[in-house]
C-alpha atoms as a PDB file:
ATOM      1  CA  MET A   1     184.033  94.078 164.218  1.00  0.00           C
ATOM      2  CA  TYR A   2     180.935  91.965 163.497  1.00  0.00           C
ATOM      3  CA  VAL A   3     179.544  94.554 161.069  1.00  0.00           C
ATOM      4  CA  LEU A   4     182.875  94.780 159.245  1.00  0.00           C
ATOM      5  CA  VAL A   5     182.981  90.991 158.807  1.00  0.00           C
ATOM      6  CA  LEU A   6     179.427  91.074 157.437  1.00  0.00           C
ATOM      7  CA  TYR A   7     180.328  93.837 154.973  1.00  0.00           C
ATOM      8  CA  VAL A   8     183.368  91.900 153.767  1.00  0.00           C
ATOM      9  CA  LEU A   9     181.524  88.597 153.368  1.00  0.00           C
ATOM     10  CA  LEU A  10     178.542  90.188 151.635  1.00  0.00           C
ATOM     11  CA  GLY A  11     180.829  92.198 149.370  1.00  0.00           C
ATOM     12  CA  ILE A  12     182.843  89.142 148.366  1.00  0.00           C
ATOM     13  CA  GLY A  13     179.699  87.157 147.628  1.00  0.00           C
ATOM     14  CA  LEU A  14     178.117  89.967 145.627  1.00  0.00           C
ATOM     15  CA  ALA A  15     181.326  90.480 143.632  1.00  0.00           C
ATOM     16  CA  ALA A  16     181.554  86.754 142.840  1.00  0.00           C
ATOM     17  CA  SER A  17     177.900  86.671 141.806  1.00  0.00           C
ATOM     18  CA  VAL A  18     178.146  89.714 139.542  1.00  0.00           C
ATOM     19  CA  GLY A  19     181.496  88.533 138.157  1.00  0.00           C
ATOM     20  CA  PHE A  20     180.048  85.169 137.202  1.00  0.00           C
ATOM     21  CA  LEU A  21     177.033  86.768 135.531  1.00  0.00           C
ATOM     22  CA  VAL A  22     179.223  89.209 133.587  1.00  0.00           C
ATOM     23  CA  LEU A  23     181.434  86.376 132.336  1.00  0.00           C
ATOM     24  CA  HIS A  24     178.577  83.957 131.661  1.00  0.00           C
ATOM     25  CA  ARG A  25     176.255  86.468 129.972  1.00  0.00           C
ATOM     26  CA  PRO A  26     173.092  84.355 130.122  1.00  0.00           C
ATOM     27  CA  ARG A  27     170.869  85.040 127.134  1.00  0.00           C
ATOM     28  CA  ARG A  28     167.827  82.807 127.518  1.00  0.00           C
ATOM     29  CA  PHE A  29     166.892  82.925 131.180  1.00  0.00           C
ATOM     30  CA  PHE A  30     164.008  80.457 131.000  1.00  0.00           C
ATOM     31  CA  ARG A  31     165.831  77.502 129.440  1.00  0.00           C
ATOM     32  CA  MET A  32     166.586  74.676 131.850  1.00  0.00           C
ATOM     33  CA  VAL A  33     170.330  74.977 131.274  1.00  0.00           C
ATOM     34  CA  GLU A  34     170.285  78.657 132.214  1.00  0.00           C
ATOM     35  CA  ILE A  35     168.029  78.059 135.195  1.00  0.00           C
ATOM     36  CA  ASN A  36     170.442  75.450 136.526  1.00  0.00           C
ATOM     37  CA  ALA A  37     173.560  77.500 135.783  1.00  0.00           C
ATOM     38  CA  SER A  38     172.544  81.046 136.617  1.00  0.00           C
ATOM     39  CA  TRP A  39     169.370  81.471 138.608  1.00  0.00           C
ATOM     40  CA  TRP A  40     170.720  80.464 141.998  1.00  0.00           C
ATOM     41  CA  VAL A  41     173.605  82.899 141.471  1.00  0.00           C
ATOM     42  CA  ILE A  42     171.150  85.658 140.529  1.00  0.00           C
ATOM     43  CA  ILE A  43     168.933  84.967 143.544  1.00  0.00           C
ATOM     44  CA  ILE A  44     171.852  84.909 145.968  1.00  0.00           C
ATOM     45  CA  GLY A  45     173.263  88.078 144.408  1.00  0.00           C
ATOM     46  CA  LEU A  46     169.951  89.873 144.881  1.00  0.00           C
ATOM     47  CA  LEU A  47     169.711  88.689 148.481  1.00  0.00           C
ATOM     48  CA  TYR A  48     173.267  89.840 149.144  1.00  0.00           C
ATOM     49  CA  ALA A  49     172.576  93.271 147.607  1.00  0.00           C
ATOM     50  CA  ARG A  50     169.447  93.588 149.762  1.00  0.00           C
ATOM     51  CA  SER A  51     171.394  92.520 152.841  1.00  0.00           C
ATOM     52  CA  LEU A  52     174.120  95.094 152.168  1.00  0.00           C
ATOM     53  CA  VAL A  53     171.527  97.858 151.858  1.00  0.00           C
ATOM     54  CA  LEU A  54     169.766  96.775 155.046  1.00  0.00           C
ATOM     55  CA  LEU A  55     173.073  96.440 156.878  1.00  0.00           C
ATOM     56  CA  GLY A  56     173.919  99.993 155.865  1.00  0.00           C
ATOM     57  CA  ILE A  57     170.532 101.274 157.026  1.00  0.00           C
ATOM     58  CA  ARG A  58     169.953  99.278 160.208  1.00  0.00           C
ATOM     59  CA  GLY A  59     173.354  98.007 161.228  1.00  0.00           C
ATOM     60  CA  ALA A  60     173.758  94.612 162.872  1.00  0.00           C
ATOM     61  CA  HIS A  61     173.330  93.593 166.475  1.00  0.00           C
ATOM     62  CA  PRO A  62     173.654  89.845 167.066  1.00  0.00           C
ATOM     63  CA  GLU A  63     171.587  88.493 169.924  1.00  0.00           C
ATOM     64  CA  SER A  64     174.293  86.155 171.170  1.00  0.00           C
ATOM     65  CA  PHE A  65     177.738  84.828 170.347  1.00  0.00           C
ATOM     66  CA  TRP A  66     176.270  81.728 168.703  1.00  0.00           C
ATOM     67  CA  ASP A  67     173.918  83.814 166.604  1.00  0.00           C
ATOM     68  CA  ALA A  68     176.906  85.706 165.225  1.00  0.00           C
ATOM     69  CA  VAL A  69     178.947  82.535 164.648  1.00  0.00           C
ATOM     70  CA  ILE A  70     176.115  80.770 162.815  1.00  0.00           C
ATOM     71  CA  GLY A  71     175.362  83.830 160.672  1.00  0.00           C
ATOM     72  CA  ILE A  72     178.980  84.326 159.691  1.00  0.00           C
ATOM     73  CA  GLY A  73     179.389  80.593 159.090  1.00  0.00           C
ATOM     74  CA  PHE A  74     176.461  80.451 156.685  1.00  0.00           C
ATOM     75  CA  LEU A  75     177.661  83.556 154.850  1.00  0.00           C
ATOM     76  CA  ALA A  76     181.157  82.108 154.530  1.00  0.00           C
ATOM     77  CA  ALA A  77     179.762  78.809 153.198  1.00  0.00           C
ATOM     78  CA  ILE A  78     177.611  80.551 150.585  1.00  0.00           C
ATOM     79  CA  ASP A  79     180.560  82.771 149.625  1.00  0.00           C
ATOM     80  CA  ALA A  80     182.657  79.651 149.141  1.00  0.00           C
ATOM     81  CA  LEU A  81     180.017  78.220 146.778  1.00  0.00           C
ATOM     82  CA  LEU A  82     179.863  81.469 144.808  1.00  0.00           C
ATOM     83  CA  LEU A  83     183.655  81.661 144.563  1.00  0.00           C
ATOM     84  CA  VAL A  84     183.858  78.041 143.409  1.00  0.00           C
ATOM     85  CA  ARG A  85     181.245  78.811 140.743  1.00  0.00           C
ATOM     86  CA  PHE A  86     183.118  81.925 139.609  1.00  0.00           C
ATOM     87  CA  PHE A  87     186.580  80.341 139.476  1.00  0.00           C
ATOM     88  CA  SER A  88     185.341  77.115 137.891  1.00  0.00           C
ATOM     89  CA  TYR A  89     183.739  79.173 135.118  1.00  0.00           C
ATOM     90  CA  LEU A  90     187.000  81.101 134.671  1.00  0.00           C
ATOM     91  CA  ARG A  91     188.823  77.777 134.317  1.00  0.00           C
ATOM     92  CA  TYR A  92     186.205  76.599 131.820  1.00  0.00           C
ATOM     93  CA  LEU A  93     186.713  79.745 129.719  1.00  0.00           C
ATOM     94  CA  ARG A  94     190.490  79.291 129.858  1.00  0.00           C
ATOM     95  CA  GLU A  95     190.219  75.679 128.678  1.00  0.00           C
ATOM     96  CA  ASN A  96     187.664  76.529 125.963  1.00  0.00           C
ATOM     97  CA  PRO A  97     188.797  79.798 124.361  1.00  0.00           C
ATOM     98  CA  GLU A  98     186.089  79.604 121.689  1.00  0.00           C
ATOM     99  CA  GLY A  99     183.519  80.123 124.458  1.00  0.00           C
ATOM    100  CA  PRO A 100     180.435  78.186 125.445  1.00  0.00           C
ATOM    101  CA  PRO A 101     178.492  76.452 122.687  1.00  0.00           C
ATOM    102  CA  THR A 102     175.575  78.449 121.333  1.00  0.00           C
ATOM    103  CA  ALA A 103     172.209  76.889 120.618  1.00  0.00           C
ATOM    104  CA  SER A 104     170.703  77.661 117.260  1.00  0.00           C
END
């Protein structure tokens, strides 16, 4: 059951991360605006992808009940942040159909 919950939470987070990046399409990664908007999503997405691969290879064996609760709690909190980022960007695109402003 614990492994299934980890797969679901990591999958949701990775999907939200990739979905945001596909919608946002960052072009200039080293501008401060892009660093603030996208880099934390990219980093978390890479960590989630790595965690999914390692979970598939090694499996998961929590040491104690509290270890499992804390791990799942942190994953759920980070997933909530990623989902808020994804859905807030969807709302932004809906309210601004012309898209984000482009810098010349």
